[in-house]
Amino acid sequence: MRRSTAAVVPAVVTALVLAVTTVPVSASTDPFSRYAEQKLSWGACAFAPQPDALPAECALVTVPRDWAAPESGRDLVVSISRVAASGEHLGSLLLNPGGPGGQGTSLAGELAAVQPQLHERYALIGMDPRGTGQEGGTAPETCEVPIDRLSPRTDLDARDRSAGSIAEHLKLPRAVAEACQSEALAPFITTWQTAHDMELIRILLGESQLDYLGYSYGTWLGAKYASLFPRSAGKMVLDSSVDFQGRLQAAFEAWPQINQRLFEESFLPWMTRQFPEEVGATTEEAAANWERARRFFASSGTSPDQFDTIFVGMGSPLRWVLGALVFVLGVRGANGATTAATGSALAPELDARSREAFGVPLASLTPATVARALADDPQDYRLVPTTRYAVACGDQPTRSAAWYKRLSDQQGPRYPLYGWQYGLSEPCAFWSDAPRQELPSLPAEVAGRVLVVQGELDPQTGYEQARSAVRAAPGVSLVSVADSPFHGQYAFEGNPCVDGMVNVFLLRNSRPGNVTCPGVPLPNETEVHPVPGPVRDSPVAVATAAQSPLPVLRESVRAKISDINAPLR
C-alpha cells in the first residue's frame, strides 16, 4: 500500500495547537464562563482560497483541552472562518465537511459562492475541529507508525485466509491503534469535546441558536451537538448520514456491503457504457476483466489489497475517473499492451487525473507507469491522522479483534471487493481505552429541526445507516436521492431538487417531509440509469435545470468531501 507523505509536525507547530492562553477565571461552575469573554479577532485566513470561492475571514478560538475539567491542562486553539451574510442576517450556519478529521475553514467561501441565496441571509462559519490544525497553517495531529511494525510484504491479499496472511494483515491496525493511543491529545479529541467547542463558538458569535450543515461524519457531530445542547441547536442539515442514533463504527463496518453494491450495480455498468472496447460490453465481461487487471497489477508489484481499495469509497466523479483510469490501464497491461489509451470522450478528465495521480499526461500513461506508482514506497514512519481514530475509536466502546475477524469471514464471501479486507484492517479492533464521556441520542424536542439528505448508493455512508437513524428518531425528515452513487448531495452536486429542499428549509423554515429526489447523470452521461437499491419511492418530478454554475469549484469540493471521508489507504 502507498505510504503517507505527510510531514512530521514540528515542535513549533505543535506549540501553536497547545497554546497556553490566559483566560479570566470565574467562580462559576459553568465550564463556558472562563472562555466566553474572549473576543473574536477576525483577520486573514491561512489557507489560499480556491478560484471562484468567495473570500473569508478567520479567527482563533481558545478552548480547554478537556471540557470536563477546564482548569486542568493546557488550552487549545481552534480555527474558524466566516463569510458574512451579503444581505439581512438570518443567522449563523456552522459547516463541517466530515472525516473525522476534515479541515473546514475553506468550506465557508466555497459554499457562499455556489449558493448565493444562502450567502445572502446566512453568515457561513467554517471550522477546523480540534486535532485538525489550521487549514493552510498548522498541520493536523498525526500518529507516527513505525514501518518496522508493519508487514514487509508487498503482495498482501485479504482473500488469502491462511494464518500467516491474517497475521500480516493485523500488523497495520494494531500498530495504528497503539501509535494513536500513545498521543497525549488523543483522549481529548472526541465528538463530545468538539460539540462543546461548537457551543462556545455559538456563544462567541452571539447567536441564540446555531444552524448547522454537516457532511458524512459531520452528521454524527451535528446530531450529537443537538443532543448535548438541544436548546442551542437550530436547523440541522445532515447530509450523507451515519446512524447517529446507533454506533458510529457501524458506518465503517457497512463499507463492504455498500461498496460491493455500488461496484456491481452502478460502476461496472457505467464502465461498459464508457469503455466497452476495453472492459467489455456486459457487466459479466467487465467483472472478469477487472479480475484480470487485478492479477496484472499483482504481477507488477502492486498488492491486491491496494488495488481493491482504489475502488472503495468512490464517492465523487473524480474518484470514478481515477478508478476507470486504473481499470482500463490494468486491462491493457493484462492484454500485453504497453501504450496508453486516449480514445474516450472522458479523455480530458482522464488526462487531469493522470497528471494529478501519476505525474504524467494521459498520452504518456502506460500500464507499467501505473504499476510503479501503486507499488509500495517504504519510509521510516507512516503517518496517520490522529483525529480519524481518536474519534472513531474513542467516541464509543469498541469491539474486539476476534469480532472483526469473524466479520471479515462473514463479509468476504458476500462482498469480496472489500469484505475480506475490512475486518482485518480496522484499528478500532485494537483500541483499548474506554470512552471518557457518553454521547446521548437525539431528543424528541430537536427532531422537528433535523433534515437528513442521503444518496441511495453512497459508498461511504450507506443509505441503510441514514434510514435507521431517521426511523429511530421520530420527527426527523429524510430526503432520499434515487440512484445517486456519490457522497455529499447538497450544494455541490448540482441537483436542483436537493438544493431546493434544503434551501427552503434553511431560508424559509419550511422542512419537507420524507421525499425522494431524482439523481443526476453519471460522468459523461446525459440521463440517469436506474438501478436496484433500497429506495422504493418514485422520485418527485422536477424541471430540468440549466448547467450549474462554477462547475470546476463544485467538482473540486465534491472530491474534497469524498476524500476526507474515504477509508485509510
Protein backbone atom coordinates (compact mmCIF):
# COMPACT_ATOMS: atom_id res chain seq x y z
CA MET A 1 0.00 0.00 0.00
CA ARG A 2 1.10 3.56 -0.55
CA ARG A 3 2.78 5.33 2.34
CA SER A 4 1.69 8.74 3.55
CA THR A 5 3.97 11.58 2.51
CA ALA A 6 2.76 13.98 5.21
CA ALA A 7 5.49 15.72 7.13
CA VAL A 8 6.07 15.19 10.82
CA VAL A 9 4.62 18.10 12.80
CA PRO A 10 7.47 20.25 14.09
CA ALA A 11 7.61 21.33 17.69
CA VAL A 12 6.89 24.97 16.91
CA VAL A 13 3.69 23.97 15.09
CA THR A 14 2.57 21.75 17.94
CA ALA A 15 3.11 24.67 20.27
CA LEU A 16 0.53 26.63 18.28
CA VAL A 17 -2.02 23.89 18.80
CA LEU A 18 -1.24 23.59 22.50
CA ALA A 19 -1.05 27.32 23.03
CA VAL A 20 -1.10 28.45 26.65
CA THR A 21 -3.60 31.27 26.71
CA THR A 22 -4.52 33.27 29.76
CA VAL A 23 -8.28 33.27 30.21
CA PRO A 24 -10.05 35.05 33.06
CA VAL A 25 -11.06 32.62 35.78
CA SER A 26 -14.61 32.70 37.06
CA ALA A 27 -16.00 31.21 40.22
CA SER A 28 -18.97 29.90 38.23
CA THR A 29 -19.30 26.17 37.68
CA ASP A 30 -20.38 26.88 34.10
CA PRO A 31 -17.48 25.50 32.01
CA PHE A 32 -18.07 28.15 29.34
CA SER A 33 -17.72 31.11 31.67
CA ARG A 34 -13.91 31.03 31.59
CA TYR A 35 -13.88 31.23 27.80
CA ALA A 36 -17.00 33.21 26.86
CA GLU A 37 -15.37 36.60 27.49
CA GLN A 38 -12.76 36.26 24.75
CA LYS A 39 -13.26 38.43 21.68
CA LEU A 40 -13.08 37.03 18.18
CA SER A 41 -10.40 38.86 16.21
CA TRP A 42 -11.21 38.39 12.54
CA GLY A 43 -8.40 38.65 10.03
CA ALA A 44 -6.76 36.95 7.07
CA CYS A 45 -7.05 33.17 6.76
CA ALA A 46 -4.02 30.91 6.50
CA PHE A 47 -5.36 28.95 3.54
CA ALA A 48 -5.37 30.08 -0.09
CA PRO A 49 -8.99 30.01 -1.35
CA GLN A 50 -9.84 28.09 -4.48
CA PRO A 51 -10.57 30.06 -7.65
CA ASP A 52 -14.18 31.32 -7.65
CA ALA A 53 -14.60 30.81 -3.89
CA LEU A 54 -15.64 33.94 -2.00
CA PRO A 55 -13.13 35.47 0.42
CA ALA A 56 -13.43 34.54 4.08
CA GLU A 57 -12.01 35.96 7.28
CA CYS A 58 -10.65 33.80 10.08
CA ALA A 59 -10.27 33.88 13.85
CA LEU A 60 -8.77 31.68 16.55
CA VAL A 61 -10.88 30.40 19.44
CA THR A 62 -9.29 29.35 22.71
CA VAL A 63 -10.83 26.18 24.16
CA PRO A 64 -9.85 23.98 27.10
CA ARG A 65 -8.07 20.74 26.44
CA ASP A 66 -10.79 18.98 28.43
CA TRP A 67 -14.26 20.44 28.81
CA ALA A 68 -14.86 18.01 31.68
CA ALA A 69 -12.04 19.71 33.62
CA PRO A 70 -11.49 23.14 32.03
CA GLU A 71 -8.99 24.30 34.61
CA SER A 72 -6.60 21.39 34.10
CA GLY A 73 -4.11 21.09 31.29
CA ARG A 74 -3.16 23.45 28.53
CA ASP A 75 -5.66 25.26 26.38
CA LEU A 76 -6.06 24.50 22.69
CA VAL A 77 -6.74 26.78 19.76
CA VAL A 78 -9.45 26.09 17.19
CA SER A 79 -9.59 27.98 13.88
CA ILE A 80 -12.89 29.22 12.44
CA SER A 81 -13.78 31.19 9.32
CA ARG A 82 -16.63 33.47 8.37
CA VAL A 83 -18.27 34.74 5.21
CA ALA A 84 -20.75 37.32 6.46
CA ALA A 85 -24.27 37.46 5.01
CA SER A 86 -24.43 39.74 1.98
CA GLY A 87 -27.96 40.83 2.94
CA GLU A 88 -30.09 40.83 6.06
CA HIS A 89 -28.57 38.47 8.64
CA LEU A 90 -30.78 35.49 9.41
CA GLY A 91 -28.32 33.50 11.49
CA SER A 92 -25.01 31.65 11.51
CA LEU A 93 -24.64 28.31 9.72
CA LEU A 94 -21.75 26.21 11.02
CA LEU A 95 -20.23 23.82 8.47
CA ASN A 96 -18.38 20.52 8.80
CA PRO A 97 -17.04 18.51 5.82
CA GLY A 98 -16.73 15.24 7.75
CA GLY A 99 -13.88 12.86 8.44
CA PRO A 100 -13.44 12.56 11.35
CA GLY A 101 -10.56 14.97 10.90
CA GLY A 102 -11.56 17.16 7.98
CA GLN A 103 -10.49 20.80 7.97
CA GLY A 104 -13.45 23.01 7.13
CA THR A 105 -12.47 26.68 7.22
CA SER A 106 -12.24 26.93 3.41
CA LEU A 107 -15.72 25.44 3.04
CA ALA A 108 -17.45 28.71 4.04
CA GLY A 109 -16.22 30.64 0.99
CA GLU A 110 -16.88 27.71 -1.32
CA LEU A 111 -20.45 27.27 -0.15
CA ALA A 112 -21.10 31.01 -0.33
CA ALA A 113 -20.00 31.03 -3.97
CA VAL A 114 -22.20 28.17 -5.16
CA GLN A 115 -25.27 29.02 -3.04
CA PRO A 116 -25.76 32.80 -3.33
CA GLN A 117 -29.27 32.63 -1.84
CA LEU A 118 -27.84 31.08 1.30
CA HIS A 119 -24.96 33.55 1.36
CA GLU A 120 -27.42 36.45 1.24
CA ARG A 121 -29.04 35.55 4.55
CA TYR A 122 -26.50 33.49 6.49
CA ALA A 123 -23.11 34.09 7.99
CA LEU A 124 -21.36 30.89 6.88
CA ILE A 125 -18.96 29.61 9.52
CA GLY A 126 -16.21 27.12 8.72
CA MET A 127 -14.28 25.26 11.40
CA ASP A 128 -11.09 23.25 11.73
CA PRO A 129 -12.07 20.96 14.60
CA ARG A 130 -9.67 20.21 17.45
CA GLY A 131 -6.86 17.97 16.34
CA THR A 132 -7.04 19.05 12.70
CA GLY A 133 -4.68 22.02 12.97
CA GLN A 134 -5.31 25.16 10.96
CA GLU A 135 -6.06 24.83 7.26
CA GLY A 136 -3.15 26.32 5.33
CA GLY A 137 -1.17 26.76 8.55
CA THR A 138 -0.73 24.43 11.49
CA ALA A 139 -0.56 20.79 10.45
CA PRO A 140 -3.07 18.27 11.83
CA GLU A 141 -2.10 15.99 14.67
CA THR A 142 -0.67 12.71 13.36
CA CYS A 143 0.32 9.33 14.76
CA GLU A 144 3.76 8.03 13.81
CA VAL A 145 3.52 4.35 12.95
CA PRO A 146 7.00 2.77 12.63
CA ILE A 147 7.35 0.93 9.34
CA ASP A 148 9.12 -1.94 11.08
CA ARG A 149 5.85 -2.63 12.92
CA LEU A 150 4.07 -3.22 9.60
CA SER A 151 4.17 -6.12 7.22
CA PRO A 152 7.15 -6.01 4.84
CA ARG A 153 5.17 -7.89 2.23
CA THR A 154 4.04 -6.09 -0.92
CA ASP A 155 1.73 -8.86 -2.08
CA LEU A 156 -0.89 -8.80 0.67
CA ASP A 157 -4.24 -10.14 -0.46
CA ALA A 158 -7.02 -10.47 2.14
CA ARG A 159 -8.54 -13.24 0.04
CA ASP A 160 -5.66 -15.38 1.30
CA ARG A 161 -7.12 -16.79 4.54
CA SER A 162 -4.01 -18.57 5.72
CA ALA A 163 -2.89 -17.93 9.29
CA GLY A 164 0.24 -16.24 8.01
CA SER A 165 -1.67 -13.87 5.76
CA ILE A 166 -4.09 -12.90 8.51
CA ALA A 167 -1.24 -12.28 10.96
CA GLU A 168 0.48 -9.99 8.45
CA HIS A 169 -2.74 -8.05 7.83
CA LEU A 170 -3.33 -7.43 11.53
CA LYS A 171 0.04 -5.73 11.99
CA LEU A 172 -1.20 -2.46 10.48
CA PRO A 173 -4.37 -1.90 12.55
CA ARG A 174 -2.59 -2.97 15.74
CA ALA A 175 0.30 -0.57 15.13
CA VAL A 176 -2.05 2.31 14.21
CA ALA A 177 -4.12 1.82 17.37
CA GLU A 178 -1.05 1.67 19.60
CA ALA A 179 0.54 4.74 17.97
CA CYS A 180 -2.60 6.86 18.13
CA GLN A 181 -3.45 5.89 21.71
CA SER A 182 0.03 6.98 22.75
CA GLU A 183 -0.66 10.54 21.56
CA ALA A 184 -1.21 12.82 24.57
CA LEU A 185 -4.11 14.67 22.94
CA ALA A 186 -5.96 11.59 21.69
CA PRO A 187 -8.28 11.22 24.74
CA PHE A 188 -9.41 14.83 24.25
CA ILE A 189 -10.09 14.63 20.52
CA THR A 190 -13.63 13.29 20.58
CA THR A 191 -17.07 14.29 19.38
CA TRP A 192 -18.09 15.18 22.94
CA GLN A 193 -15.23 17.67 23.21
CA THR A 194 -15.78 19.15 19.74
CA ALA A 195 -19.51 19.59 20.40
CA HIS A 196 -18.58 21.72 23.41
CA ASP A 197 -16.23 23.75 21.19
CA MET A 198 -19.19 24.35 18.89
CA GLU A 199 -21.31 25.57 21.77
CA LEU A 200 -18.60 28.05 22.72
CA ILE A 201 -18.46 29.25 19.11
CA ARG A 202 -22.22 29.83 19.21
CA ILE A 203 -21.80 31.92 22.35
CA LEU A 204 -18.95 33.96 20.88
CA LEU A 205 -20.94 34.59 17.69
CA GLY A 206 -23.79 35.96 19.80
CA GLU A 207 -26.39 33.59 18.35
CA SER A 208 -29.29 32.24 20.39
CA GLN A 209 -29.26 29.13 18.20
CA LEU A 210 -26.67 27.69 15.84
CA ASP A 211 -27.83 26.33 12.49
CA TYR A 212 -25.70 23.59 11.01
CA LEU A 213 -24.73 21.75 7.82
CA GLY A 214 -22.61 18.63 8.17
CA TYR A 215 -21.48 16.01 5.69
CA SER A 216 -20.68 12.36 6.48
CA TYR A 217 -19.08 12.19 9.96
CA GLY A 218 -20.31 15.77 10.25
CA THR A 219 -23.82 14.30 10.56
CA TRP A 220 -22.74 12.44 13.69
CA LEU A 221 -21.10 15.57 15.08
CA GLY A 222 -24.16 17.72 14.36
CA ALA A 223 -26.59 15.21 15.84
CA LYS A 224 -24.50 14.87 18.99
CA TYR A 225 -24.23 18.65 19.33
CA ALA A 226 -28.01 18.85 19.13
CA SER A 227 -28.30 16.01 21.66
CA LEU A 228 -25.94 17.66 24.15
CA PHE A 229 -27.27 21.21 23.61
CA PRO A 230 -30.85 20.84 22.38
CA ARG A 231 -31.83 24.43 23.21
CA SER A 232 -28.86 25.79 21.29
CA ALA A 233 -29.35 23.69 18.16
CA GLY A 234 -31.23 25.41 15.35
CA LYS A 235 -31.98 23.93 11.95
CA MET A 236 -29.75 20.91 11.30
CA VAL A 237 -29.00 19.59 7.80
CA LEU A 238 -27.28 16.20 7.97
CA ASP A 239 -26.03 15.23 4.51
CA SER A 240 -24.80 11.67 3.75
CA SER A 241 -25.61 10.46 7.20
CA VAL A 242 -24.37 7.83 9.58
CA ASP A 243 -26.74 6.23 12.05
CA PHE A 244 -26.47 8.97 14.65
CA GLN A 245 -28.86 7.09 16.94
CA GLY A 246 -26.67 3.99 16.95
CA ARG A 247 -22.96 3.24 16.65
CA LEU A 248 -20.60 5.43 14.66
CA GLN A 249 -18.39 2.44 13.92
CA ALA A 250 -21.32 0.69 12.21
CA ALA A 251 -20.96 3.15 9.33
CA PHE A 252 -17.45 1.85 8.65
CA GLU A 253 -18.48 -1.77 9.16
CA ALA A 254 -21.02 -1.32 6.36
CA TRP A 255 -18.37 -0.34 3.80
CA PRO A 256 -18.03 -3.86 2.32
CA GLN A 257 -21.75 -4.11 1.62
CA ILE A 258 -22.30 -0.62 0.24
CA ASN A 259 -19.15 -0.62 -1.88
CA GLN A 260 -19.96 -4.00 -3.40
CA ARG A 261 -23.41 -2.68 -4.27
CA LEU A 262 -22.02 0.44 -5.91
CA PHE A 263 -19.35 -1.54 -7.76
CA GLU A 264 -21.72 -4.13 -9.21
CA GLU A 265 -24.88 -2.10 -9.73
CA SER A 266 -23.51 1.25 -10.86
CA PHE A 267 -19.75 1.43 -11.55
CA LEU A 268 -19.34 -1.71 -13.70
CA PRO A 269 -22.42 -0.92 -15.86
CA TRP A 270 -21.08 2.62 -16.32
CA MET A 271 -17.69 1.23 -17.39
CA THR A 272 -19.39 -0.91 -20.03
CA ARG A 273 -21.12 2.16 -21.42
CA GLN A 274 -17.99 4.31 -21.38
CA PHE A 275 -15.25 1.81 -22.26
CA PRO A 276 -16.88 -1.20 -23.95
CA GLU A 277 -13.87 -1.94 -26.15
CA GLU A 278 -11.50 -2.03 -23.18
CA VAL A 279 -13.56 -3.73 -20.42
CA GLY A 280 -16.40 -5.43 -22.31
CA ALA A 281 -19.98 -4.68 -23.21
CA THR A 282 -21.61 -6.56 -20.30
CA THR A 283 -21.13 -6.36 -16.57
CA GLU A 284 -20.04 -10.02 -16.54
CA GLU A 285 -17.28 -9.24 -19.03
CA ALA A 286 -16.29 -6.14 -17.09
CA ALA A 287 -16.10 -8.07 -13.81
CA ALA A 288 -13.91 -10.74 -15.44
CA ASN A 289 -11.61 -8.09 -16.92
CA TRP A 290 -11.38 -6.32 -13.57
CA GLU A 291 -10.05 -9.57 -12.11
CA ARG A 292 -7.53 -9.74 -14.96
CA ALA A 293 -6.42 -6.19 -14.20
CA ARG A 294 -6.05 -7.13 -10.54
CA ARG A 295 -3.79 -10.04 -11.45
CA PHE A 296 -1.74 -7.85 -13.81
CA PHE A 297 -1.01 -5.27 -11.13
CA ALA A 298 -0.23 -8.01 -8.61
CA SER A 299 2.36 -9.43 -11.00
CA SER A 300 3.82 -5.92 -11.34
CA GLY A 301 4.37 -5.34 -7.60
CA THR A 302 1.06 -3.80 -6.52
CA SER A 303 -0.59 -5.64 -3.65
CA PRO A 304 -4.10 -6.88 -4.46
CA ASP A 305 -5.31 -5.14 -1.29
CA GLN A 306 -4.01 -1.83 -2.62
CA PHE A 307 -5.70 -2.39 -5.97
CA ASP A 308 -9.02 -3.23 -4.31
CA THR A 309 -9.08 -0.08 -2.18
CA ILE A 310 -8.87 2.11 -5.29
CA PHE A 311 -12.46 1.02 -5.94
CA VAL A 312 -13.63 1.54 -2.34
CA GLY A 313 -15.08 4.88 -1.25
CA MET A 314 -15.57 6.18 -4.79
CA GLY A 315 -17.84 8.95 -3.58
CA SER A 316 -17.11 11.60 -6.21
CA PRO A 317 -16.89 11.74 -10.02
CA LEU A 318 -13.15 12.37 -9.80
CA ARG A 319 -12.74 9.14 -7.85
CA TRP A 320 -14.73 7.33 -10.57
CA VAL A 321 -12.43 8.73 -13.23
CA LEU A 322 -9.39 7.56 -11.26
CA GLY A 323 -10.91 4.11 -10.89
CA ALA A 324 -11.68 4.00 -14.62
CA LEU A 325 -8.13 5.02 -15.44
CA VAL A 326 -6.56 2.27 -13.33
CA PHE A 327 -9.11 -0.29 -14.54
CA VAL A 328 -8.53 0.40 -18.24
CA LEU A 329 -4.74 0.52 -17.91
CA GLY A 330 -4.81 -2.74 -15.96
CA VAL A 331 -6.79 -4.48 -18.68
CA ARG A 332 -4.41 -3.13 -21.31
CA GLY A 333 -1.49 -4.42 -19.29
CA ALA A 334 -3.14 -7.83 -18.99
CA ASN A 335 -3.57 -7.81 -22.76
CA GLY A 336 0.13 -7.13 -23.25
CA ALA A 337 -0.27 -3.50 -24.35
CA THR A 338 2.49 -1.09 -23.41
CA THR A 339 0.94 2.19 -24.53
CA ALA A 340 -1.77 4.48 -23.17
CA ALA A 341 -5.38 4.58 -24.35
CA THR A 342 -6.77 8.04 -25.13
CA GLY A 343 -9.77 7.36 -27.37
CA SER A 344 -12.58 8.30 -24.97
CA ALA A 345 -14.98 11.18 -24.53
CA LEU A 346 -13.66 11.27 -20.97
CA ALA A 347 -10.11 11.93 -22.20
CA PRO A 348 -9.88 15.45 -20.69
CA GLU A 349 -10.96 14.18 -17.26
CA LEU A 350 -8.70 11.13 -17.58
CA ASP A 351 -5.77 13.37 -18.52
CA ALA A 352 -6.31 15.61 -15.50
CA ARG A 353 -6.43 12.64 -13.13
CA SER A 354 -3.39 11.09 -14.80
CA ARG A 355 -1.36 14.23 -14.18
CA GLU A 356 -2.58 14.55 -10.59
CA ALA A 357 -2.29 10.91 -9.50
CA PHE A 358 0.62 9.70 -11.59
CA GLY A 359 2.51 12.83 -12.60
CA VAL A 360 2.30 12.33 -16.37
CA PRO A 361 -0.22 13.26 -19.10
CA LEU A 362 -2.64 10.63 -20.28
CA ALA A 363 -0.76 10.20 -23.54
CA SER A 364 2.30 9.08 -21.58
CA LEU A 365 0.50 6.93 -19.02
CA THR A 366 1.25 3.27 -19.57
CA PRO A 367 0.27 0.17 -17.57
CA ALA A 368 3.83 -0.05 -16.29
CA THR A 369 3.73 3.59 -15.09
CA VAL A 370 0.57 2.95 -13.08
CA ALA A 371 2.00 -0.26 -11.65
CA ARG A 372 5.15 1.52 -10.45
CA ALA A 373 3.11 4.33 -8.88
CA LEU A 374 0.88 1.90 -6.99
CA ALA A 375 3.76 -0.20 -5.67
CA ASP A 376 4.96 0.27 -2.09
CA ASP A 377 7.43 3.02 -1.26
CA PRO A 378 8.65 2.33 2.31
CA GLN A 379 9.69 5.14 4.63
CA ASP A 380 10.78 5.17 8.25
CA TYR A 381 7.31 6.07 9.52
CA ARG A 382 3.81 6.00 8.24
CA LEU A 383 1.80 8.99 9.42
CA VAL A 384 -1.93 8.59 10.00
CA PRO A 385 -4.38 11.27 11.19
CA THR A 386 -4.86 11.18 14.95
CA THR A 387 -8.34 12.69 14.81
CA ARG A 388 -9.66 9.98 12.48
CA TYR A 389 -9.04 7.21 15.01
CA ALA A 390 -9.26 9.16 18.27
CA VAL A 391 -12.87 9.96 17.35
CA ALA A 392 -13.94 6.81 15.51
CA CYS A 393 -12.48 4.52 18.18
CA GLY A 394 -12.78 6.79 21.20
CA ASP A 395 -16.36 8.00 20.99
CA GLN A 396 -17.95 4.69 21.99
CA PRO A 397 -16.89 1.24 23.23
CA THR A 398 -15.11 -0.77 20.56
CA ARG A 399 -15.34 -4.41 19.54
CA SER A 400 -12.52 -6.94 19.70
CA ALA A 401 -10.09 -8.10 17.04
CA ALA A 402 -11.76 -11.52 17.20
CA TRP A 403 -15.13 -9.90 16.44
CA TYR A 404 -13.70 -8.10 13.42
CA LYS A 405 -12.01 -11.30 12.20
CA ARG A 406 -15.40 -13.02 12.27
CA LEU A 407 -16.88 -10.06 10.42
CA SER A 408 -14.24 -10.49 7.73
CA ASP A 409 -15.07 -14.19 7.45
CA GLN A 410 -18.77 -13.35 7.06
CA GLN A 411 -18.45 -10.38 4.71
CA GLY A 412 -15.72 -11.73 2.43
CA PRO A 413 -17.79 -14.30 0.50
CA ARG A 414 -20.72 -11.88 0.10
CA TYR A 415 -18.78 -8.66 -0.58
CA PRO A 416 -15.37 -9.73 -1.93
CA LEU A 417 -14.31 -6.27 -3.12
CA TYR A 418 -13.65 -5.11 0.46
CA GLY A 419 -15.32 -7.66 2.73
CA TRP A 420 -12.25 -9.85 3.18
CA GLN A 421 -10.03 -6.85 3.87
CA TYR A 422 -12.07 -4.54 6.09
CA GLY A 423 -12.31 -6.72 9.18
CA LEU A 424 -8.55 -7.30 9.08
CA SER A 425 -7.71 -3.60 8.79
CA GLU A 426 -9.80 -1.85 11.47
CA PRO A 427 -7.61 -0.13 14.14
CA CYS A 428 -10.61 0.14 16.49
CA ALA A 429 -10.28 -3.63 16.96
CA PHE A 430 -7.12 -2.93 18.99
CA TRP A 431 -8.29 0.25 20.77
CA SER A 432 -8.11 -0.40 24.49
CA ASP A 433 -9.02 2.98 26.00
CA ALA A 434 -12.61 3.26 27.19
CA PRO A 435 -14.67 6.37 26.30
CA ARG A 436 -14.50 9.11 28.91
CA GLN A 437 -17.96 10.51 28.20
CA GLU A 438 -21.25 9.10 26.99
CA LEU A 439 -22.94 10.55 23.92
CA PRO A 440 -26.74 10.86 24.20
CA SER A 441 -29.24 10.12 21.47
CA LEU A 442 -31.18 12.83 19.68
CA PRO A 443 -34.04 14.04 21.91
CA ALA A 444 -37.57 14.39 20.62
CA GLU A 445 -37.55 18.16 21.14
CA VAL A 446 -34.92 18.55 18.40
CA ALA A 447 -36.24 16.08 15.82
CA GLY A 448 -38.52 18.61 14.15
CA ARG A 449 -35.48 20.76 13.28
CA VAL A 450 -33.46 17.99 11.61
CA LEU A 451 -33.34 17.21 7.87
CA VAL A 452 -31.33 14.21 6.62
CA VAL A 453 -30.24 14.02 2.97
CA GLN A 454 -28.96 10.70 1.62
CA GLY A 455 -27.83 9.23 -1.71
CA GLU A 456 -29.19 5.76 -2.46
CA LEU A 457 -25.87 4.19 -3.49
CA ASP A 458 -23.49 6.28 -1.39
CA PRO A 459 -20.33 4.14 -0.89
CA GLN A 460 -19.10 5.98 2.21
CA THR A 461 -22.19 6.32 4.38
CA GLY A 462 -24.76 3.74 3.39
CA TYR A 463 -28.40 4.53 2.79
CA GLU A 464 -29.45 1.98 5.40
CA GLN A 465 -27.48 3.89 8.05
CA ALA A 466 -29.36 7.11 7.37
CA ARG A 467 -32.70 5.33 7.20
CA SER A 468 -32.03 3.60 10.50
CA ALA A 469 -31.25 6.92 12.18
CA VAL A 470 -34.45 8.50 10.85
CA ARG A 471 -36.56 5.56 11.97
CA ALA A 472 -35.04 5.73 15.45
CA ALA A 473 -35.69 9.47 15.73
CA PRO A 474 -39.41 10.06 15.02
CA GLY A 475 -39.97 13.51 13.60
CA VAL A 476 -36.75 13.70 11.55
CA SER A 477 -37.28 14.10 7.79
CA LEU A 478 -35.39 12.23 5.07
CA VAL A 479 -34.69 13.42 1.52
CA SER A 480 -33.56 10.37 -0.45
CA VAL A 481 -31.66 10.82 -3.73
CA ALA A 482 -32.51 7.95 -6.05
CA ASP A 483 -29.70 6.17 -7.91
CA SER A 484 -27.03 8.57 -6.64
CA PRO A 485 -23.66 6.88 -6.03
CA PHE A 486 -21.97 9.98 -4.65
CA HIS A 487 -21.09 11.26 -1.20
CA GLY A 488 -22.40 14.71 -0.32
CA GLN A 489 -25.61 15.76 -2.05
CA TYR A 490 -26.35 19.38 -1.17
CA ALA A 491 -24.83 22.46 -2.79
CA PHE A 492 -22.00 20.90 -4.80
CA GLU A 493 -23.78 18.05 -6.63
CA GLY A 494 -25.78 20.42 -8.83
CA ASN A 495 -29.05 18.68 -8.01
CA PRO A 496 -31.85 21.29 -8.18
CA CYS A 497 -34.29 19.10 -6.25
CA VAL A 498 -31.94 18.61 -3.30
CA ASP A 499 -30.73 22.20 -3.29
CA GLY A 500 -34.30 23.47 -3.38
CA MET A 501 -35.43 21.25 -0.50
CA VAL A 502 -32.53 22.29 1.73
CA ASN A 503 -32.65 25.99 0.88
CA VAL A 504 -36.38 26.24 1.55
CA PHE A 505 -35.81 24.59 4.93
CA LEU A 506 -32.93 26.87 5.90
CA LEU A 507 -34.22 30.12 4.44
CA ARG A 508 -37.99 29.79 4.90
CA ASN A 509 -38.12 27.39 7.83
CA SER A 510 -40.27 25.02 5.76
CA ARG A 511 -38.96 21.49 6.12
CA PRO A 512 -40.06 18.82 3.62
CA GLY A 513 -41.44 15.50 4.74
CA ASN A 514 -39.94 12.22 3.61
CA VAL A 515 -39.43 12.65 -0.13
CA THR A 516 -37.29 11.22 -2.94
CA CYS A 517 -35.37 13.42 -5.36
CA PRO A 518 -34.06 12.14 -8.70
CA GLY A 519 -30.32 11.72 -9.00
CA VAL A 520 -28.12 13.41 -11.60
CA PRO A 521 -26.41 11.70 -14.55
CA LEU A 522 -23.07 9.97 -14.08
CA PRO A 523 -19.89 11.42 -15.65
CA ASN A 524 -20.13 11.84 -19.44
CA GLU A 525 -23.81 10.84 -19.46
CA THR A 526 -26.98 12.83 -20.04
CA GLU A 527 -29.54 10.57 -18.39
CA VAL A 528 -29.88 8.67 -15.13
CA HIS A 529 -29.75 4.88 -15.38
CA PRO A 530 -31.98 3.47 -12.62
CA VAL A 531 -30.52 0.60 -10.61
CA PRO A 532 -31.97 -1.66 -7.91
CA GLY A 533 -31.45 -0.24 -4.46
CA PRO A 534 -33.04 0.39 -1.06
CA VAL A 535 -35.10 3.43 -2.15
CA ARG A 536 -38.61 2.29 -3.03
CA ASP A 537 -40.49 5.57 -3.59
CA SER A 538 -40.54 7.19 -7.02
CA PRO A 539 -38.66 10.50 -7.33
CA VAL A 540 -40.63 13.72 -7.46
CA ALA A 541 -40.83 15.42 -10.83
CA VAL A 542 -38.53 18.43 -11.19
CA ALA A 543 -37.88 20.78 -14.07
CA THR A 544 -34.67 20.19 -15.98
CA ALA A 545 -32.15 22.70 -14.72
CA ALA A 546 -29.50 24.51 -16.69
CA GLN A 547 -25.90 23.54 -16.05
CA SER A 548 -24.92 24.53 -12.55
CA PRO A 549 -22.55 27.49 -12.32
CA LEU A 550 -18.92 27.20 -11.20
CA PRO A 551 -18.51 23.55 -12.26
CA VAL A 552 -14.78 23.42 -11.51
CA LEU A 553 -15.26 24.66 -7.95
CA ARG A 554 -18.17 22.30 -7.37
CA GLU A 555 -16.22 19.32 -8.66
CA SER A 556 -13.23 20.15 -6.51
CA VAL A 557 -15.29 20.44 -3.33
CA ARG A 558 -17.20 17.24 -4.11
CA ALA A 559 -13.88 15.42 -4.38
CA LYS A 560 -12.65 17.01 -1.15
CA ILE A 561 -15.71 15.90 0.80
CA SER A 562 -15.36 12.38 -0.55
CA ASP A 563 -11.60 12.19 0.06
CA ILE A 564 -11.94 13.49 3.63
CA ASN A 565 -14.32 10.65 4.38
CA ALA A 566 -12.55 7.87 2.46
CA PRO A 567 -11.09 4.76 4.13
CA LEU A 568 -7.42 4.68 5.07
CA ARG A 569 -5.29 3.59 2.11
